[in-house]
Protein backbone atom coordinates (compact mmCIF):
# COMPACT_ATOMS: atom_id res chain seq x y z
CA MET A 1 -48.82 114.37 -246.89
CA VAL A 2 -50.97 117.38 -246.83
CA SER A 3 -54.63 116.98 -248.74
CA LYS A 4 -54.99 119.62 -251.48
CA GLY A 5 -58.11 120.81 -249.66
CA LYS A 6 -55.86 121.42 -246.38
CA VAL A 7 -53.37 123.55 -248.06
CA PHE A 8 -56.32 125.62 -249.68
CA ASP A 9 -57.77 126.05 -246.19
CA ILE A 10 -54.14 127.44 -245.23
CA ALA A 11 -53.79 129.70 -248.10
CA LEU A 12 -57.03 131.08 -248.09
CA GLY A 13 -56.38 131.64 -243.96
CA LEU A 14 -53.26 133.58 -244.74
CA VAL A 15 -54.50 135.73 -247.60
CA VAL A 16 -57.83 136.58 -245.22
CA MET A 17 -56.22 136.76 -241.87
CA GLY A 18 -53.39 138.87 -243.39
CA THR A 19 -55.76 141.17 -244.68
CA VAL A 20 -57.28 141.85 -241.74
CA GLY A 21 -53.90 142.35 -240.27
CA VAL A 22 -53.51 144.91 -242.81
CA LEU A 23 -56.48 146.53 -241.70
CA MET A 24 -55.97 146.35 -238.05
CA GLY A 25 -52.39 147.71 -238.63
CA GLN A 26 -53.86 150.92 -240.48
CA THR A 27 -56.07 151.60 -237.61
CA MET A 28 -53.47 151.15 -235.16
CA GLY A 29 -50.81 153.41 -236.95
CA GLY A 30 -48.08 152.76 -239.15
CA GLY A 31 -45.19 151.58 -236.12
CA LEU A 32 -47.63 148.75 -235.45
CA MET A 33 -48.55 147.94 -238.85
CA SER A 34 -45.82 144.57 -239.27
CA LEU A 35 -46.94 143.17 -235.89
CA ALA A 36 -50.53 143.20 -236.94
CA VAL A 37 -49.99 141.55 -240.41
CA VAL A 38 -47.61 139.37 -238.49
CA ILE A 39 -50.38 138.07 -236.17
CA GLY A 40 -52.73 138.12 -238.98
CA VAL A 41 -50.79 135.64 -240.92
CA VAL A 42 -50.07 133.60 -237.79
CA LEU A 43 -54.20 133.18 -237.03
CA GLY A 44 -54.66 132.68 -240.80
CA VAL A 45 -52.56 129.94 -240.84
CA VAL A 46 -53.78 128.10 -237.61
CA ILE A 47 -57.50 128.52 -238.59
CA GLY A 48 -56.44 127.29 -241.97
CA PHE A 49 -54.64 124.17 -240.56
CA LEU A 50 -57.37 123.48 -238.01
CA GLY A 51 -60.20 123.81 -241.18
CA GLY A 52 -61.76 126.68 -240.39
CA ARG A 53 -63.13 127.37 -244.30
CA ARG A 54 -66.29 128.43 -243.16
CA PHE A 55 -65.24 131.21 -240.65
CA LEU A 56 -62.69 132.00 -242.82
CA ILE A 57 -64.61 132.67 -246.01
CA SER A 58 -67.52 134.82 -243.84
CA ILE A 59 -64.72 137.18 -242.58
CA LEU A 60 -63.56 137.67 -246.55
CA ALA A 61 -67.63 138.81 -247.20
CA GLY A 62 -67.75 140.98 -244.19
CA THR A 63 -64.48 142.60 -245.78
CA VAL A 64 -65.67 142.70 -248.46
CA ILE A 65 -69.23 144.19 -248.04
CA GLY A 66 -68.09 146.20 -245.15
CA GLY A 67 -65.44 148.19 -247.69
CA MET A 68 -68.28 148.52 -250.32
CA LEU A 69 -70.48 149.72 -247.79
CA ALA A 70 -68.01 152.56 -246.56
CA TRP A 71 -67.11 153.33 -250.09
CA LEU A 72 -70.68 154.33 -251.20
CA MET A 73 -71.45 156.18 -247.77
CA VAL A 74 -68.22 158.06 -247.02
CA GLY A 75 -66.34 157.60 -249.88
CA VAL A 76 -62.71 156.10 -251.15
CA ASP A 77 -60.76 157.76 -247.69
CA ARG A 78 -62.59 155.45 -245.47
CA ILE A 79 -62.74 152.11 -247.34
CA TRP A 80 -60.65 150.89 -245.11
CA VAL A 81 -62.31 151.26 -242.09
CA GLY A 82 -65.75 149.57 -243.13
CA ALA A 83 -63.91 146.45 -244.28
CA GLY A 84 -62.35 145.96 -240.88
CA ALA A 85 -65.27 146.78 -238.77
CA GLY A 86 -67.01 144.25 -241.57
CA ALA A 87 -64.20 141.65 -241.00
CA ALA A 88 -64.97 141.79 -237.48
CA MET A 89 -68.58 141.63 -238.09
CA GLY A 90 -68.48 138.74 -240.52
CA GLY A 91 -65.96 136.59 -237.82
CA PHE A 92 -68.70 136.96 -235.42
CA LEU A 93 -71.58 136.29 -237.46
CA GLY A 94 -69.19 133.08 -238.72
CA VAL A 95 -68.35 131.79 -235.20
CA GLN A 96 -72.40 132.30 -234.16
CA ILE A 97 -73.98 130.38 -237.83
CA SER A 98 -71.04 127.66 -237.37
CA MET A 99 -72.77 127.15 -233.87
CA LEU A 100 -75.85 126.73 -235.25
CA LEU A 101 -75.13 124.84 -237.63
CA ASP A 102 -73.36 122.50 -235.50
CA VAL A 103 -76.35 122.38 -232.82
CA ARG A 104 -78.81 121.65 -235.81
CA ALA A 105 -76.19 118.15 -236.77
CA ALA A 106 -76.42 116.96 -233.41
CA ARG A 107 -80.05 117.33 -232.74
CA LYS A 108 -80.34 116.22 -236.02
CA ALA A 109 -77.95 113.05 -235.25
CA ALA A 110 -79.82 112.45 -232.25
CA THR A 111 -83.09 112.07 -233.66
CA GLU A 112 -81.99 109.51 -236.16
CA GLN A 113 -80.23 107.50 -233.34
CA VAL A 114 -83.48 107.62 -231.07
CA GLU A 115 -85.57 106.42 -234.38
CA THR A 116 -83.00 103.69 -235.13
CA SER A 117 -82.88 102.37 -231.46
CA ALA A 118 -86.37 102.06 -231.38
CA SER A 119 -87.27 100.45 -234.50
CA SER A 120 -84.69 97.93 -233.34
């Protein structure tokens, strides 16, 4: 049975990556919109299933911030460009931050293991 957290992660992936697919489809043109949306949704489900909640939240934050900045700087007509660029930057930064947090956790676990074995 699938837990509620896993269902939430999959739904979050569906929404976030589906939105990114729509933004990419806008950029590529109307003929490729459906392909971009399908690829985005499939990637979102896979990322959600694998537990990429931090990654998805960073993309969501990048989308919103990028869209708001584009709206403030160039107006309503180009919000989708700013949101798409923000999603890309959010994803990039999310991966980098996640890797740094994993390195920090591994270093902390190694330090605790050394301290435990030294005291034995």
